[in-house]
Amino acid sequence: MFSTNKRVLATVLGIIGLALVPGSALAQTGAAANTFDMQAAATLGAALAIGLAVLGGALGQGRAAAAALEGISRNPGATSRIQTPMIIGLALIESLVLFAFALAFLLQSKAGG
């Protein structure tokens, strides 16, 4: 079963890789490229940065909180030993999301929008 999951993952990554190759082959070069292309790429980068950061941050915070609550429910005496590192971890995860948010704003200002 584990090897089947690896095959599926390799297949999906291969398809994604093949889908990205023609974009670089057909890219404009030199004088043909204009500032609109750069602005569009910066806007797309900003959208992807904030979207992926929020998705990853939400999943990470959810898993951290779930693991901490499960640990506390199994051993209520260890609440203080579990709660403090969980809060620190959640703050670090949130800081990464805020960093991506700031990066998205910088990319958006680079795009001129």
C-alpha atoms as a PDB file:
ATOM      1  CA  MET A   1       0.000   0.000   0.000  1.00  0.00           C
ATOM      2  CA  PHE A   2       2.819   2.393   0.795  1.00  0.00           C
ATOM      3  CA  SER A   3       4.441   1.808  -2.577  1.00  0.00           C
ATOM      4  CA  THR A   4       1.117   2.543  -4.302  1.00  0.00           C
ATOM      5  CA  ASN A   5       0.993   5.942  -2.569  1.00  0.00           C
ATOM      6  CA  LYS A   6       4.541   6.617  -3.723  1.00  0.00           C
ATOM      7  CA  ARG A   7       3.609   5.747  -7.299  1.00  0.00           C
ATOM      8  CA  VAL A   8       0.573   8.018  -7.224  1.00  0.00           C
ATOM      9  CA  LEU A   9       2.640  10.861  -5.762  1.00  0.00           C
ATOM     10  CA  ALA A  10       5.380  10.352  -8.370  1.00  0.00           C
ATOM     11  CA  THR A  11       2.780  10.329 -11.148  1.00  0.00           C
ATOM     12  CA  VAL A  12       1.112  13.527  -9.932  1.00  0.00           C
ATOM     13  CA  LEU A  13       4.457  15.303  -9.516  1.00  0.00           C
ATOM     14  CA  GLY A  14       5.515  14.131 -12.983  1.00  0.00           C
ATOM     15  CA  ILE A  15       2.341  15.496 -14.558  1.00  0.00           C
ATOM     16  CA  ILE A  16       2.791  18.814 -12.753  1.00  0.00           C
ATOM     17  CA  GLY A  17       6.426  18.959 -13.889  1.00  0.00           C
ATOM     18  CA  LEU A  18       5.464  18.298 -17.490  1.00  0.00           C
ATOM     19  CA  ALA A  19       2.779  20.965 -17.301  1.00  0.00           C
ATOM     20  CA  LEU A  20       5.337  23.558 -16.204  1.00  0.00           C
ATOM     21  CA  VAL A  21       7.927  22.831 -18.923  1.00  0.00           C
ATOM     22  CA  PRO A  22       6.096  24.420 -21.908  1.00  0.00           C
ATOM     23  CA  GLY A  23       5.637  27.672 -19.987  1.00  0.00           C
ATOM     24  CA  SER A  24       9.377  28.175 -19.712  1.00  0.00           C
ATOM     25  CA  ALA A  25       9.984  27.075 -23.296  1.00  0.00           C
ATOM     26  CA  LEU A  26       7.540  29.640 -24.674  1.00  0.00           C
ATOM     27  CA  ALA A  27       8.661  32.500 -22.423  1.00  0.00           C
ATOM     28  CA  GLN A  28       9.465  35.792 -24.061  1.00  0.00           C
ATOM     29  CA  THR A  29      13.042  36.976 -24.030  1.00  0.00           C
ATOM     30  CA  GLY A  30      14.894  40.237 -24.507  1.00  0.00           C
ATOM     31  CA  ALA A  31      13.029  43.211 -25.891  1.00  0.00           C
ATOM     32  CA  ALA A  32       9.836  41.237 -26.394  1.00  0.00           C
ATOM     33  CA  ALA A  33       9.248  41.043 -22.639  1.00  0.00           C
ATOM     34  CA  ASN A  34       7.472  44.004 -21.120  1.00  0.00           C
ATOM     35  CA  THR A  35       6.656  45.309 -17.682  1.00  0.00           C
ATOM     36  CA  PHE A  36       3.155  43.860 -17.854  1.00  0.00           C
ATOM     37  CA  ASP A  37       4.629  40.343 -17.750  1.00  0.00           C
ATOM     38  CA  MET A  38       6.651  41.227 -14.657  1.00  0.00           C
ATOM     39  CA  GLN A  39       3.642  42.792 -12.987  1.00  0.00           C
ATOM     40  CA  ALA A  40       1.484  39.782 -13.750  1.00  0.00           C
ATOM     41  CA  ALA A  41       4.127  37.420 -12.378  1.00  0.00           C
ATOM     42  CA  ALA A  42       4.510  39.514  -9.213  1.00  0.00           C
ATOM     43  CA  THR A  43       0.748  39.563  -8.686  1.00  0.00           C
ATOM     44  CA  LEU A  44       0.539  35.814  -9.184  1.00  0.00           C
ATOM     45  CA  GLY A  45       3.459  35.337  -6.801  1.00  0.00           C
ATOM     46  CA  ALA A  46       1.759  37.496  -4.179  1.00  0.00           C
ATOM     47  CA  ALA A  47      -1.468  35.539  -4.477  1.00  0.00           C
ATOM     48  CA  LEU A  48       0.311  32.200  -4.230  1.00  0.00           C
ATOM     49  CA  ALA A  49       2.486  33.360  -1.321  1.00  0.00           C
ATOM     50  CA  ILE A  50      -0.378  34.419   0.883  1.00  0.00           C
ATOM     51  CA  GLY A  51      -2.622  31.528  -0.143  1.00  0.00           C
ATOM     52  CA  LEU A  52      -0.054  28.827   0.543  1.00  0.00           C
ATOM     53  CA  ALA A  53       1.124  30.502   3.742  1.00  0.00           C
ATOM     54  CA  VAL A  54      -2.379  30.697   5.160  1.00  0.00           C
ATOM     55  CA  LEU A  55      -3.122  27.123   4.133  1.00  0.00           C
ATOM     56  CA  GLY A  56       0.086  25.773   5.622  1.00  0.00           C
ATOM     57  CA  GLY A  57      -0.222  27.884   8.758  1.00  0.00           C
ATOM     58  CA  ALA A  58      -3.802  26.803   9.381  1.00  0.00           C
ATOM     59  CA  LEU A  59      -2.944  23.137   8.910  1.00  0.00           C
ATOM     60  CA  GLY A  60       0.112  23.442  11.151  1.00  0.00           C
ATOM     61  CA  GLN A  61      -1.750  25.244  13.896  1.00  0.00           C
ATOM     62  CA  GLY A  62      -4.610  22.762  13.738  1.00  0.00           C
ATOM     63  CA  ARG A  63      -2.299  19.778  14.024  1.00  0.00           C
ATOM     64  CA  ALA A  64      -0.288  21.387  16.844  1.00  0.00           C
ATOM     65  CA  ALA A  65      -3.390  22.237  18.849  1.00  0.00           C
ATOM     66  CA  ALA A  66      -4.892  18.788  18.263  1.00  0.00           C
ATOM     67  CA  ALA A  67      -1.708  17.045  19.389  1.00  0.00           C
ATOM     68  CA  ALA A  68      -1.436  19.257  22.464  1.00  0.00           C
ATOM     69  CA  LEU A  69      -5.064  18.688  23.437  1.00  0.00           C
ATOM     70  CA  GLU A  70      -4.669  14.959  22.944  1.00  0.00           C
ATOM     71  CA  GLY A  71      -1.573  14.972  25.147  1.00  0.00           C
ATOM     72  CA  ILE A  72      -3.344  16.992  27.829  1.00  0.00           C
ATOM     73  CA  SER A  73      -6.373  14.698  27.734  1.00  0.00           C
ATOM     74  CA  ARG A  74      -4.146  11.641  28.169  1.00  0.00           C
ATOM     75  CA  ASN A  75      -2.164  13.199  31.020  1.00  0.00           C
ATOM     76  CA  PRO A  76      -3.871  16.185  32.652  1.00  0.00           C
ATOM     77  CA  GLY A  77      -0.966  16.583  35.069  1.00  0.00           C
ATOM     78  CA  ALA A  78       1.332  17.622  32.212  1.00  0.00           C
ATOM     79  CA  THR A  79      -0.830  20.544  31.127  1.00  0.00           C
ATOM     80  CA  SER A  80       1.723  23.226  31.976  1.00  0.00           C
ATOM     81  CA  ARG A  81       4.557  21.277  30.334  1.00  0.00           C
ATOM     82  CA  ILE A  82       2.529  20.907  27.117  1.00  0.00           C
ATOM     83  CA  GLN A  83       0.723  24.236  26.969  1.00  0.00           C
ATOM     84  CA  THR A  84       3.756  26.563  27.020  1.00  0.00           C
ATOM     85  CA  PRO A  85       5.643  24.933  24.103  1.00  0.00           C
ATOM     86  CA  MET A  86       2.372  24.709  22.163  1.00  0.00           C
ATOM     87  CA  ILE A  87       1.758  28.458  22.528  1.00  0.00           C
ATOM     88  CA  ILE A  88       5.348  29.220  21.489  1.00  0.00           C
ATOM     89  CA  GLY A  89       4.970  26.924  18.465  1.00  0.00           C
ATOM     90  CA  LEU A  90       1.680  28.542  17.485  1.00  0.00           C
ATOM     91  CA  ALA A  91       3.275  31.985  17.734  1.00  0.00           C
ATOM     92  CA  LEU A  92       6.148  30.902  15.475  1.00  0.00           C
ATOM     93  CA  ILE A  93       3.751  29.422  12.935  1.00  0.00           C
ATOM     94  CA  GLU A  94       1.731  32.641  12.970  1.00  0.00           C
ATOM     95  CA  SER A  95       4.888  34.718  12.497  1.00  0.00           C
ATOM     96  CA  LEU A  96       5.688  32.759   9.333  1.00  0.00           C
ATOM     97  CA  VAL A  97       2.197  33.452   8.004  1.00  0.00           C
ATOM     98  CA  LEU A  98       2.587  37.159   8.783  1.00  0.00           C
ATOM     99  CA  PHE A  99       5.975  37.143   7.041  1.00  0.00           C
ATOM    100  CA  ALA A 100       4.337  35.688   3.919  1.00  0.00           C
ATOM    101  CA  PHE A 101       1.601  38.318   4.222  1.00  0.00           C
ATOM    102  CA  ALA A 102       4.249  41.071   4.261  1.00  0.00           C
ATOM    103  CA  LEU A 103       5.973  39.415   1.305  1.00  0.00           C
ATOM    104  CA  ALA A 104       2.699  39.388  -0.604  1.00  0.00           C
ATOM    105  CA  PHE A 105       2.296  43.123   0.041  1.00  0.00           C
ATOM    106  CA  LEU A 106       5.832  43.772  -1.173  1.00  0.00           C
ATOM    107  CA  LEU A 107       5.195  41.777  -4.345  1.00  0.00           C
ATOM    108  CA  GLN A 108       1.909  43.578  -4.874  1.00  0.00           C
ATOM    109  CA  SER A 109       3.628  46.968  -4.591  1.00  0.00           C
ATOM    110  CA  LYS A 110       6.275  45.714  -7.044  1.00  0.00           C
ATOM    111  CA  ALA A 111       3.443  44.943  -9.466  1.00  0.00           C
ATOM    112  CA  GLY A 112       2.229  48.518  -9.156  1.00  0.00           C
ATOM    113  CA  GLY A 113      -1.238  47.620  -7.925  1.00  0.00           C
END
